[in-house]
Amino acid sequence: MARNGKTDLEETLDTSHELPPAETETPGRDTELERLRAERNDLIDRLARLQAEFENARKRTVREQQDFRDFALADAIKLLLPIVDSFELALKSSKEKSEFRNGVELIHKQLQDALAKLGLQPIAAKGEAFDPRLHEAIEMVDTTDAKDHEVLDEFQRGYRLKERLLRPAMVKVARNPNH
């Protein structure tokens, strides 16, 4: 039935207060959503890059600090090497046993142990093949009693500090034309 020109169905639905029908395509919304997604992706990418840069800077700082400590340690140990050399010369010069010699040997051993704990390693020389990266030839001797380029004697001990050459060993090297 119709009342006032409206059907029962129209009165029941009250179409004057309904929301407009949904648009299937909203070009303004889609472009805004895509723009926001692109901005979000860009911000996430920038954040990842900044985190990587920060981590690299942190690692570089730690490495630089360790390099500085190693450099300072190397300088300090270089200052102590002449003292170690003097102890070794003193112990070579006199072979007689005495309390004084025992005390010098003890102090020498303590110093060597302390330096070893810091990473100082002596370089093997006597009887080894000459290695120009580790040895400095002071003298070449012609001989048939040793192999060619064999280290015959060590004048001054060489040292490494944590795999880095601190001081080469000064050595006498054999020159044997027969080998």
C-alpha atoms as a PDB file:
ATOM      1  CA  MET A   1       0.000   0.000   0.000  1.00  0.00           C
ATOM      2  CA  ALA A   2       1.038   3.508  -0.659  1.00  0.00           C
ATOM      3  CA  ARG A   3       0.753   6.317   1.781  1.00  0.00           C
ATOM      4  CA  ASN A   4       1.717   9.788   0.848  1.00  0.00           C
ATOM      5  CA  GLY A   5       3.169   8.511  -2.383  1.00  0.00           C
ATOM      6  CA  LYS A   6       5.586   6.053  -0.645  1.00  0.00           C
ATOM      7  CA  THR A   7       5.364   2.334  -0.698  1.00  0.00           C
ATOM      8  CA  ASP A   8       5.554   0.211   2.463  1.00  0.00           C
ATOM      9  CA  LEU A   9       8.966  -0.991   1.433  1.00  0.00           C
ATOM     10  CA  GLU A  10      10.304   2.543   1.072  1.00  0.00           C
ATOM     11  CA  GLU A  11       8.961   3.519   4.523  1.00  0.00           C
ATOM     12  CA  THR A  12      10.465   0.425   6.124  1.00  0.00           C
ATOM     13  CA  LEU A  13      13.897   1.012   4.612  1.00  0.00           C
ATOM     14  CA  ASP A  14      13.952   4.751   5.189  1.00  0.00           C
ATOM     15  CA  THR A  15      16.241   5.378   2.289  1.00  0.00           C
ATOM     16  CA  SER A  16      16.754   9.026   3.113  1.00  0.00           C
ATOM     17  CA  HIS A  17      19.124   8.199   5.992  1.00  0.00           C
ATOM     18  CA  GLU A  18      21.244   5.544   4.342  1.00  0.00           C
ATOM     19  CA  LEU A  19      24.921   5.823   3.521  1.00  0.00           C
ATOM     20  CA  PRO A  20      25.779   6.294  -0.097  1.00  0.00           C
ATOM     21  CA  PRO A  21      26.701   3.074  -1.893  1.00  0.00           C
ATOM     22  CA  ALA A  22      30.393   2.074  -1.648  1.00  0.00           C
ATOM     23  CA  GLU A  23      32.512   2.985  -4.578  1.00  0.00           C
ATOM     24  CA  THR A  24      34.279   0.012  -6.104  1.00  0.00           C
ATOM     25  CA  GLU A  25      37.120   2.102  -7.482  1.00  0.00           C
ATOM     26  CA  THR A  26      38.426   5.044  -5.467  1.00  0.00           C
ATOM     27  CA  PRO A  27      41.350   6.454  -7.385  1.00  0.00           C
ATOM     28  CA  GLY A  28      42.180   9.031  -4.714  1.00  0.00           C
ATOM     29  CA  ARG A  29      42.314   6.440  -1.926  1.00  0.00           C
ATOM     30  CA  ASP A  30      44.339   3.912  -3.940  1.00  0.00           C
ATOM     31  CA  THR A  31      47.019   6.444  -4.852  1.00  0.00           C
ATOM     32  CA  GLU A  32      47.150   7.706  -1.245  1.00  0.00           C
ATOM     33  CA  LEU A  33      47.513   4.114   0.027  1.00  0.00           C
ATOM     34  CA  GLU A  34      50.278   3.370  -2.490  1.00  0.00           C
ATOM     35  CA  ARG A  35      52.059   6.588  -1.548  1.00  0.00           C
ATOM     36  CA  LEU A  36      51.908   5.662   2.161  1.00  0.00           C
ATOM     37  CA  ARG A  37      53.174   2.144   1.440  1.00  0.00           C
ATOM     38  CA  ALA A  38      56.065   3.530  -0.610  1.00  0.00           C
ATOM     39  CA  GLU A  39      56.901   6.000   2.165  1.00  0.00           C
ATOM     40  CA  ARG A  40      56.788   3.212   4.775  1.00  0.00           C
ATOM     41  CA  ASN A  41      59.053   0.998   2.633  1.00  0.00           C
ATOM     42  CA  ASP A  42      61.456   3.899   2.157  1.00  0.00           C
ATOM     43  CA  LEU A  43      61.553   4.555   5.917  1.00  0.00           C
ATOM     44  CA  ILE A  44      62.146   0.868   6.666  1.00  0.00           C
ATOM     45  CA  ASP A  45      64.972   0.807   4.106  1.00  0.00           C
ATOM     46  CA  ARG A  46      66.525   3.960   5.597  1.00  0.00           C
ATOM     47  CA  LEU A  47      66.254   2.486   9.097  1.00  0.00           C
ATOM     48  CA  ALA A  48      67.989  -0.723   7.975  1.00  0.00           C
ATOM     49  CA  ARG A  49      70.780   1.293   6.328  1.00  0.00           C
ATOM     50  CA  LEU A  50      71.236   3.481   9.426  1.00  0.00           C
ATOM     51  CA  GLN A  51      71.367   0.401  11.649  1.00  0.00           C
ATOM     52  CA  ALA A  52      74.031  -1.147   9.378  1.00  0.00           C
ATOM     53  CA  GLU A  53      76.029   2.110   9.347  1.00  0.00           C
ATOM     54  CA  PHE A  54      75.818   2.298  13.142  1.00  0.00           C
ATOM     55  CA  GLU A  55      76.973  -1.309  13.520  1.00  0.00           C
ATOM     56  CA  ASN A  56      79.870  -0.708  11.107  1.00  0.00           C
ATOM     57  CA  ALA A  57      80.869   2.448  12.993  1.00  0.00           C
ATOM     58  CA  ARG A  58      80.735   0.551  16.301  1.00  0.00           C
ATOM     59  CA  LYS A  59      82.919  -2.259  14.907  1.00  0.00           C
ATOM     60  CA  ARG A  60      85.352   0.258  13.399  1.00  0.00           C
ATOM     61  CA  THR A  61      85.631   2.061  16.752  1.00  0.00           C
ATOM     62  CA  VAL A  62      86.304  -1.205  18.599  1.00  0.00           C
ATOM     63  CA  ARG A  63      88.936  -2.168  15.989  1.00  0.00           C
ATOM     64  CA  GLU A  64      90.595   1.275  16.204  1.00  0.00           C
ATOM     65  CA  GLN A  65      90.689   1.073  19.996  1.00  0.00           C
ATOM     66  CA  GLN A  66      92.291  -2.386  19.829  1.00  0.00           C
ATOM     67  CA  ASP A  67      94.816  -1.155  17.252  1.00  0.00           C
ATOM     68  CA  PHE A  68      95.672   1.763  19.535  1.00  0.00           C
ATOM     69  CA  ARG A  69      96.163  -0.568  22.515  1.00  0.00           C
ATOM     70  CA  ASP A  70      98.335  -2.904  20.411  1.00  0.00           C
ATOM     71  CA  PHE A  71     100.403   0.043  19.152  1.00  0.00           C
ATOM     72  CA  ALA A  72     100.891   1.363  22.699  1.00  0.00           C
ATOM     73  CA  LEU A  73     101.800  -2.130  23.917  1.00  0.00           C
ATOM     74  CA  ALA A  74     104.327  -2.556  21.090  1.00  0.00           C
ATOM     75  CA  ASP A  75     105.969   0.761  21.985  1.00  0.00           C
ATOM     76  CA  ALA A  76     106.200  -0.184  25.664  1.00  0.00           C
ATOM     77  CA  ILE A  77     107.666  -3.602  24.896  1.00  0.00           C
ATOM     78  CA  LYS A  78     110.195  -2.102  22.473  1.00  0.00           C
ATOM     79  CA  LEU A  79     111.470  -0.043  25.394  1.00  0.00           C
ATOM     80  CA  LEU A  80     111.932  -3.225  27.459  1.00  0.00           C
ATOM     81  CA  LEU A  81     113.750  -5.268  24.794  1.00  0.00           C
ATOM     82  CA  PRO A  82     117.202  -3.723  25.480  1.00  0.00           C
ATOM     83  CA  ILE A  83     116.758  -4.722  29.134  1.00  0.00           C
ATOM     84  CA  VAL A  84     115.985  -8.298  28.093  1.00  0.00           C
ATOM     85  CA  ASP A  85     119.060  -8.213  25.832  1.00  0.00           C
ATOM     86  CA  SER A  86     121.219  -6.994  28.734  1.00  0.00           C
ATOM     87  CA  PHE A  87     119.972  -9.811  30.956  1.00  0.00           C
ATOM     88  CA  GLU A  88     120.809 -12.365  28.256  1.00  0.00           C
ATOM     89  CA  LEU A  89     124.311 -10.909  27.759  1.00  0.00           C
ATOM     90  CA  ALA A  90     124.926 -10.908  31.512  1.00  0.00           C
ATOM     91  CA  LEU A  91     123.853 -14.542  31.769  1.00  0.00           C
ATOM     92  CA  LYS A  92     126.060 -15.538  28.783  1.00  0.00           C
ATOM     93  CA  SER A  93     129.131 -13.745  30.113  1.00  0.00           C
ATOM     94  CA  SER A  94     129.456 -15.698  33.346  1.00  0.00           C
ATOM     95  CA  LYS A  95     128.695 -19.393  33.713  1.00  0.00           C
ATOM     96  CA  GLU A  96     129.730 -19.713  37.388  1.00  0.00           C
ATOM     97  CA  LYS A  97     126.937 -20.553  39.794  1.00  0.00           C
ATOM     98  CA  SER A  98     126.275 -18.121  42.601  1.00  0.00           C
ATOM     99  CA  GLU A  99     123.358 -16.662  44.500  1.00  0.00           C
ATOM    100  CA  PHE A 100     123.721 -13.476  42.497  1.00  0.00           C
ATOM    101  CA  ARG A 101     123.492 -15.393  39.203  1.00  0.00           C
ATOM    102  CA  ASN A 102     120.466 -17.324  40.463  1.00  0.00           C
ATOM    103  CA  GLY A 103     118.783 -14.005  41.322  1.00  0.00           C
ATOM    104  CA  VAL A 104     119.541 -12.563  37.877  1.00  0.00           C
ATOM    105  CA  GLU A 105     118.207 -15.752  36.219  1.00  0.00           C
ATOM    106  CA  LEU A 106     115.027 -15.514  38.294  1.00  0.00           C
ATOM    107  CA  ILE A 107     114.458 -11.854  37.389  1.00  0.00           C
ATOM    108  CA  HIS A 108     115.149 -12.631  33.709  1.00  0.00           C
ATOM    109  CA  LYS A 109     112.635 -15.510  33.783  1.00  0.00           C
ATOM    110  CA  GLN A 110     109.984 -13.336  35.463  1.00  0.00           C
ATOM    111  CA  LEU A 111     110.461 -10.615  32.866  1.00  0.00           C
ATOM    112  CA  GLN A 112     110.233 -13.131  30.012  1.00  0.00           C
ATOM    113  CA  ASP A 113     107.076 -14.680  31.504  1.00  0.00           C
ATOM    114  CA  ALA A 114     105.419 -11.265  31.920  1.00  0.00           C
ATOM    115  CA  LEU A 115     106.253 -10.307  28.318  1.00  0.00           C
ATOM    116  CA  ALA A 116     105.001 -13.688  27.058  1.00  0.00           C
ATOM    117  CA  LYS A 117     101.660 -13.073  28.801  1.00  0.00           C
ATOM    118  CA  LEU A 118     101.420  -9.802  26.858  1.00  0.00           C
ATOM    119  CA  GLY A 119     101.895 -11.734  23.605  1.00  0.00           C
ATOM    120  CA  LEU A 120     105.642 -11.398  22.996  1.00  0.00           C
ATOM    121  CA  GLN A 121     107.155 -14.415  21.218  1.00  0.00           C
ATOM    122  CA  PRO A 122     110.847 -14.934  20.465  1.00  0.00           C
ATOM    123  CA  ILE A 123     111.756 -15.767  16.857  1.00  0.00           C
ATOM    124  CA  ALA A 124     113.630 -19.010  16.344  1.00  0.00           C
ATOM    125  CA  ALA A 125     116.891 -18.360  14.530  1.00  0.00           C
ATOM    126  CA  LYS A 126     119.919 -20.596  15.168  1.00  0.00           C
ATOM    127  CA  GLY A 127     119.781 -23.694  12.961  1.00  0.00           C
ATOM    128  CA  GLU A 128     116.764 -22.411  11.012  1.00  0.00           C
ATOM    129  CA  ALA A 129     116.663 -21.509   7.334  1.00  0.00           C
ATOM    130  CA  PHE A 130     117.229 -17.792   6.751  1.00  0.00           C
ATOM    131  CA  ASP A 131     113.919 -15.964   6.337  1.00  0.00           C
ATOM    132  CA  PRO A 132     114.278 -12.296   5.315  1.00  0.00           C
ATOM    133  CA  ARG A 133     110.865 -11.545   6.817  1.00  0.00           C
ATOM    134  CA  LEU A 134     112.090 -12.614  10.276  1.00  0.00           C
ATOM    135  CA  HIS A 135     115.885 -12.402  10.153  1.00  0.00           C
ATOM    136  CA  GLU A 136     118.328  -9.639   9.372  1.00  0.00           C
ATOM    137  CA  ALA A 137     121.623 -10.997   8.013  1.00  0.00           C
ATOM    138  CA  ILE A 138     124.551  -9.189   9.615  1.00  0.00           C
ATOM    139  CA  GLU A 139     127.193 -11.539   8.297  1.00  0.00           C
ATOM    140  CA  MET A 140     127.502 -14.199   5.566  1.00  0.00           C
ATOM    141  CA  VAL A 141     130.091 -16.934   6.153  1.00  0.00           C
ATOM    142  CA  ASP A 142     131.415 -19.374   3.556  1.00  0.00           C
ATOM    143  CA  THR A 143     131.287 -22.859   5.042  1.00  0.00           C
ATOM    144  CA  THR A 144     130.727 -26.487   4.050  1.00  0.00           C
ATOM    145  CA  ASP A 145     129.648 -27.473   7.572  1.00  0.00           C
ATOM    146  CA  ALA A 146     126.090 -26.114   7.193  1.00  0.00           C
ATOM    147  CA  LYS A 147     123.389 -25.894   4.573  1.00  0.00           C
ATOM    148  CA  ASP A 148     123.231 -22.893   2.296  1.00  0.00           C
ATOM    149  CA  HIS A 149     121.305 -20.011   3.936  1.00  0.00           C
ATOM    150  CA  GLU A 150     121.196 -21.710   7.335  1.00  0.00           C
ATOM    151  CA  VAL A 151     121.416 -19.425  10.355  1.00  0.00           C
ATOM    152  CA  LEU A 152     124.697 -20.181  12.138  1.00  0.00           C
ATOM    153  CA  ASP A 153     124.523 -17.760  15.019  1.00  0.00           C
ATOM    154  CA  GLU A 154     122.178 -15.197  16.541  1.00  0.00           C
ATOM    155  CA  PHE A 155     123.635 -11.842  17.578  1.00  0.00           C
ATOM    156  CA  GLN A 156     120.372 -10.351  18.793  1.00  0.00           C
ATOM    157  CA  ARG A 157     117.113 -12.199  19.372  1.00  0.00           C
ATOM    158  CA  GLY A 158     114.114 -11.167  17.289  1.00  0.00           C
ATOM    159  CA  TYR A 159     110.555 -10.910  18.586  1.00  0.00           C
ATOM    160  CA  ARG A 160     106.957 -10.974  17.405  1.00  0.00           C
ATOM    161  CA  LEU A 161     104.063  -9.374  19.184  1.00  0.00           C
ATOM    162  CA  LYS A 162     100.778 -11.109  18.412  1.00  0.00           C
ATOM    163  CA  GLU A 163     101.921 -12.304  14.958  1.00  0.00           C
ATOM    164  CA  ARG A 164     103.371  -8.869  14.121  1.00  0.00           C
ATOM    165  CA  LEU A 165     107.131  -8.535  13.721  1.00  0.00           C
ATOM    166  CA  LEU A 166     108.430  -6.313  16.481  1.00  0.00           C
ATOM    167  CA  ARG A 167     112.136  -6.728  15.829  1.00  0.00           C
ATOM    168  CA  PRO A 168     113.954  -9.030  13.367  1.00  0.00           C
ATOM    169  CA  ALA A 169     116.643 -11.375  14.656  1.00  0.00           C
ATOM    170  CA  MET A 170     120.178 -10.268  13.756  1.00  0.00           C
ATOM    171  CA  VAL A 171     121.962 -13.360  12.491  1.00  0.00           C
ATOM    172  CA  LYS A 172     125.052 -14.867  10.876  1.00  0.00           C
ATOM    173  CA  VAL A 173     124.128 -16.891   7.768  1.00  0.00           C
ATOM    174  CA  ALA A 174     125.984 -19.745   6.053  1.00  0.00           C
ATOM    175  CA  ARG A 175     126.860 -19.591   2.386  1.00  0.00           C
ATOM    176  CA  ASN A 176     127.545 -23.105   1.102  1.00  0.00           C
ATOM    177  CA  PRO A 177     128.283 -23.341  -2.632  1.00  0.00           C
ATOM    178  CA  ASN A 178     127.959 -27.169  -2.501  1.00  0.00           C
ATOM    179  CA  HIS A 179     124.238 -27.125  -1.572  1.00  0.00           C
END
